[in-house]
């Protein structure tokens, strides 16, 4: 499989959301032009993004909405359950835990963790908030695929390391800081430490989004400028 740009995966998520909306409207067929208009990209970009994963349409007839939706669900790994723990059960962590849409896509919260004595032991959506010291024991008896970090930035690195040490391979970081994987020194090079191999970190930085928004409000002509097509 060719190297797939991160932006292409983000666009697949957008296409899936559009297809779900079309299906709710009982629309059975769509086209690359229609998807492009709704997603704010070019029809060429839609076809290119989908082509990374196979051939889903018929020339001149477009795409069957339920079939393309099913295939994107498969490609994105949303046809299986994903077990998630949330680290940091302050206001943000509780808001994430109470967000109603996660279970629609097979994301199941199985554990909640914090270090604050005032939070540990609380019940949130039927789960008891545990102490971070118990995270590793928890993952020995529960399959955990992902960890969501909703902690202050100064605690994010340690919390991420705790998740990795517990064997969690996917981290969604809501803290406004960059997580630095632990490295080891080897002759002539610096390499990831063994526990970080295969770990994926995605960042959700609200503050960065606000800064970009401020820039584009002051420079709207730059936001409207057409983006160049990605190289093959």
Protein backbone atom coordinates (compact mmCIF):
# COMPACT_ATOMS: atom_id res chain seq x y z
CA UNK A 1 0.00 0.00 0.00
CA UNK A 2 1.28 3.47 -0.91
CA UNK A 3 2.16 5.90 1.84
CA UNK A 4 -1.10 7.55 2.89
CA UNK A 5 -1.05 11.22 3.97
CA UNK A 6 -2.51 11.97 7.40
CA UNK A 7 -4.76 14.56 5.78
CA UNK A 8 -6.30 11.84 3.61
CA UNK A 9 -7.37 9.91 6.71
CA UNK A 10 -8.94 13.07 8.13
CA UNK A 11 -10.86 13.53 4.88
CA UNK A 12 -12.09 9.92 5.01
CA UNK A 13 -13.67 10.74 8.36
CA UNK A 14 -15.38 13.72 6.73
CA UNK A 15 -16.61 11.59 3.80
CA UNK A 16 -18.01 9.05 6.25
CA UNK A 17 -19.93 11.75 8.12
CA UNK A 18 -21.36 12.99 4.79
CA UNK A 19 -22.39 9.47 3.79
CA UNK A 20 -24.12 8.95 7.14
CA UNK A 21 -26.06 12.17 6.58
CA UNK A 22 -27.01 11.11 3.04
CA UNK A 23 -28.17 7.73 4.30
CA UNK A 24 -30.42 9.41 6.88
CA UNK A 25 -31.95 11.35 3.99
CA UNK A 26 -32.56 8.09 2.08
CA UNK A 27 -30.07 9.09 -0.64
CA UNK A 28 -28.83 5.88 -2.24
CA UNK A 29 -26.19 7.17 -4.67
CA UNK A 30 -23.60 9.92 -4.68
CA UNK A 31 -20.65 11.02 -6.79
CA UNK A 32 -17.14 12.34 -6.30
CA UNK A 33 -18.43 15.77 -7.33
CA UNK A 34 -21.19 15.66 -4.71
CA UNK A 35 -18.85 14.44 -1.98
CA UNK A 36 -16.32 17.09 -2.99
CA UNK A 37 -18.88 19.91 -2.78
CA UNK A 38 -20.04 18.77 0.64
CA UNK A 39 -16.48 18.22 1.94
CA UNK A 40 -15.00 21.42 0.50
CA UNK A 41 -12.38 19.67 -1.62
CA UNK A 42 -12.01 18.80 -5.31
CA UNK A 43 -13.54 15.75 -6.97
CA UNK A 44 -10.01 14.72 -7.94
CA UNK A 45 -9.03 14.75 -4.26
CA UNK A 46 -12.02 12.58 -3.31
CA UNK A 47 -11.16 10.00 -5.97
CA UNK A 48 -7.51 10.04 -4.99
CA UNK A 49 -8.25 9.60 -1.28
CA UNK A 50 -10.56 6.65 -1.93
CA UNK A 51 -8.11 5.08 -4.39
CA UNK A 52 -5.58 4.55 -1.60
CA UNK A 53 -7.89 1.82 -0.29
CA UNK A 54 -9.44 0.26 -3.39
CA UNK A 55 -12.02 0.86 -6.08
CA UNK A 56 -15.44 1.65 -4.65
CA UNK A 57 -17.41 3.28 -7.45
CA UNK A 58 -18.49 2.74 -11.03
CA UNK A 59 -17.38 5.16 -13.73
CA UNK A 60 -20.31 7.30 -14.80
CA UNK A 61 -22.53 6.02 -11.98
CA UNK A 62 -20.72 7.18 -8.86
CA UNK A 63 -20.95 5.44 -5.50
CA UNK A 64 -23.66 3.47 -3.73
CA UNK A 65 -24.01 5.28 -0.40
CA UNK A 66 -24.51 2.26 1.92
CA UNK A 67 -21.67 0.32 0.27
CA UNK A 68 -19.19 3.19 0.37
CA UNK A 69 -20.17 3.93 3.97
CA UNK A 70 -19.61 0.28 4.91
CA UNK A 71 -16.21 0.26 3.23
CA UNK A 72 -15.07 3.46 4.95
CA UNK A 73 -16.22 2.05 8.29
CA UNK A 74 -14.05 -0.99 7.57
CA UNK A 75 -11.04 1.05 6.40
CA UNK A 76 -11.18 3.28 9.49
CA UNK A 77 -11.45 0.26 11.80
CA UNK A 78 -14.88 1.23 13.06
CA UNK A 79 -16.36 -2.23 12.52
CA UNK A 80 -14.81 -3.47 15.77
CA UNK A 81 -14.91 -2.35 19.39
CA UNK A 82 -12.20 -0.11 20.83
CA UNK A 83 -11.71 -0.03 24.59
CA UNK A 84 -10.78 3.37 25.97
CA UNK A 85 -9.58 4.73 29.30
CA UNK A 86 -9.67 8.41 30.20
CA UNK A 87 -6.85 9.84 32.30
CA UNK A 88 -7.81 13.07 34.04
CA UNK A 89 -11.38 13.31 35.27
CA UNK A 90 -11.71 17.04 35.77
CA UNK A 91 -14.27 19.04 33.81
CA UNK A 92 -12.80 18.13 30.42
CA UNK A 93 -12.44 14.44 31.24
CA UNK A 94 -16.00 14.26 32.50
CA UNK A 95 -17.28 16.08 29.41
CA UNK A 96 -15.47 13.55 27.19
CA UNK A 97 -16.84 10.64 29.22
CA UNK A 98 -20.38 12.00 28.89
CA UNK A 99 -20.15 12.71 25.17
CA UNK A 100 -22.95 10.59 23.66
CA UNK A 101 -21.47 9.91 20.21
CA UNK A 102 -18.48 7.72 21.07
CA UNK A 103 -20.43 4.48 21.45
CA UNK A 104 -21.98 4.97 18.00
CA UNK A 105 -18.55 4.16 16.57
CA UNK A 106 -17.65 1.25 18.83
CA UNK A 107 -15.57 3.31 21.28
CA UNK A 108 -16.29 1.93 24.74
CA UNK A 109 -15.08 3.63 27.92
CA UNK A 110 -13.85 0.89 30.21
CA UNK A 111 -11.82 2.84 32.79
CA UNK A 112 -11.45 6.33 34.25
CA UNK A 113 -8.39 7.50 36.20
CA UNK A 114 -7.18 10.50 38.16
CA UNK A 115 -4.83 11.32 41.05
CA UNK A 116 -7.02 13.77 42.98
CA UNK A 117 -8.45 12.35 46.23
CA UNK A 118 -11.58 14.40 45.58
CA UNK A 119 -12.17 12.69 42.25
CA UNK A 120 -10.97 9.11 42.80
CA UNK A 121 -13.92 6.98 43.81
CA UNK A 122 -16.54 9.09 42.06
CA UNK A 123 -19.03 7.45 39.72
CA UNK A 124 -19.15 8.70 36.12
CA UNK A 125 -21.42 6.95 33.63
CA UNK A 126 -21.47 3.81 35.71
CA UNK A 127 -17.68 3.65 36.10
CA UNK A 128 -15.73 4.29 39.29
CA UNK A 129 -12.79 6.65 38.88
CA UNK A 130 -9.63 4.78 39.83
CA UNK A 131 -6.23 6.08 40.92
CA UNK A 132 -3.47 6.31 38.34
CA UNK A 133 -1.35 4.02 40.50
CA UNK A 134 -3.80 1.24 39.62
CA UNK A 135 -3.64 1.73 35.84
CA UNK A 136 -1.12 -1.03 35.13
CA UNK A 137 -3.04 -3.55 37.24
CA UNK A 138 -6.21 -2.53 35.40
CA UNK A 139 -4.71 -3.17 31.96
CA UNK A 140 -3.55 -6.62 33.06
CA UNK A 141 -7.18 -7.67 33.48
CA UNK A 142 -8.88 -5.42 30.90
CA UNK A 143 -8.07 -5.02 27.22
CA UNK A 144 -7.33 -1.33 26.60
CA UNK A 145 -6.69 -0.01 23.10
CA UNK A 146 -6.61 3.74 23.65
CA UNK A 147 -6.03 6.29 26.36
CA UNK A 148 -7.45 9.81 26.32
CA UNK A 149 -5.35 12.41 28.14
CA UNK A 150 -7.38 15.20 29.73
CA UNK A 151 -4.79 16.37 32.23
CA UNK A 152 -2.98 19.70 32.74
CA UNK A 153 -0.08 20.16 30.31
CA UNK A 154 2.55 19.82 33.03
CA UNK A 155 1.23 16.34 33.84
CA UNK A 156 0.64 15.12 30.31
CA UNK A 157 4.09 13.63 29.70
CA UNK A 158 4.04 11.53 32.87
CA UNK A 159 0.46 10.44 32.20
CA UNK A 160 1.35 9.43 28.64
CA UNK A 161 4.33 7.44 29.90
CA UNK A 162 2.08 5.69 32.41
CA UNK A 163 -0.30 4.69 29.61
CA UNK A 164 2.56 3.39 27.47
CA UNK A 165 4.09 1.52 30.39
CA UNK A 166 0.68 -0.11 30.88
CA UNK A 167 0.74 -1.33 27.28
CA UNK A 168 -1.68 1.18 25.72
CA UNK A 169 -0.79 1.74 22.05
CA UNK A 170 -3.01 4.70 21.14
CA UNK A 171 -3.10 8.08 22.91
CA UNK A 172 -5.48 10.95 22.17
CA UNK A 173 -3.91 13.96 23.84
CA UNK A 174 -6.17 16.87 24.76
CA UNK A 175 -3.44 18.67 26.72
CA UNK A 176 -1.87 21.69 24.95
CA UNK A 177 1.60 20.22 24.91
CA UNK A 178 3.69 17.90 22.76
CA UNK A 179 4.16 14.38 24.07
CA UNK A 180 7.78 13.28 23.75
CA UNK A 181 8.35 9.53 23.37
CA UNK A 182 11.08 8.13 25.59
CA UNK A 183 14.25 7.39 23.69
CA UNK A 184 17.33 5.29 24.30
CA UNK A 185 20.89 6.04 23.30
CA UNK A 186 22.46 3.49 20.99
CA UNK A 187 25.85 3.64 19.30
CA UNK A 188 25.69 6.47 16.81
CA UNK A 189 21.95 7.11 17.09
CA UNK A 190 18.98 7.84 19.30
CA UNK A 191 16.07 5.43 19.07
CA UNK A 192 12.64 4.94 20.60
CA UNK A 193 12.60 2.96 23.79
CA UNK A 194 11.02 -0.47 23.39
CA UNK A 195 7.73 0.37 25.10
CA UNK A 196 7.10 3.31 22.72
CA UNK A 197 7.46 1.25 19.56
CA UNK A 198 4.14 1.12 17.74
CA UNK A 199 2.54 3.79 19.92
CA UNK A 200 0.41 6.34 18.05
CA UNK A 201 -0.25 9.80 19.53
CA UNK A 202 -2.94 12.13 18.16
CA UNK A 203 -3.24 15.67 19.49
CA UNK A 204 -6.46 17.63 19.98
CA UNK A 205 -5.34 21.15 20.83
CA UNK A 206 -8.29 23.53 21.34
CA UNK A 207 -6.00 26.47 22.04
CA UNK A 208 -4.09 25.94 18.80
CA UNK A 209 -7.41 25.89 16.97
CA UNK A 210 -8.40 29.17 18.58
CA UNK A 211 -5.11 30.74 17.50
CA UNK A 212 -5.60 29.57 13.91
CA UNK A 213 -9.14 30.92 13.99
CA UNK A 214 -7.92 34.32 15.20
CA UNK A 215 -5.37 34.43 12.37
CA UNK A 216 -7.91 33.57 9.69
CA UNK A 217 -10.46 36.06 11.01
CA UNK A 218 -7.82 38.74 10.50
CA UNK A 219 -6.69 37.23 7.17
CA UNK A 220 -9.81 35.72 5.57
CA UNK A 221 -8.33 35.90 2.06
CA UNK A 222 -5.71 33.32 3.09
CA UNK A 223 -8.35 30.93 4.38
CA UNK A 224 -10.21 31.09 1.08
CA UNK A 225 -7.11 30.53 -1.04
CA UNK A 226 -7.32 27.15 -2.84
CA UNK A 227 -4.99 24.56 -1.40
CA UNK A 228 -2.64 22.81 -3.86
CA UNK A 229 -3.36 19.19 -4.62
CA UNK A 230 -1.21 16.78 -2.67
CA UNK A 231 1.56 15.14 -4.69
CA UNK A 232 1.12 11.52 -5.58
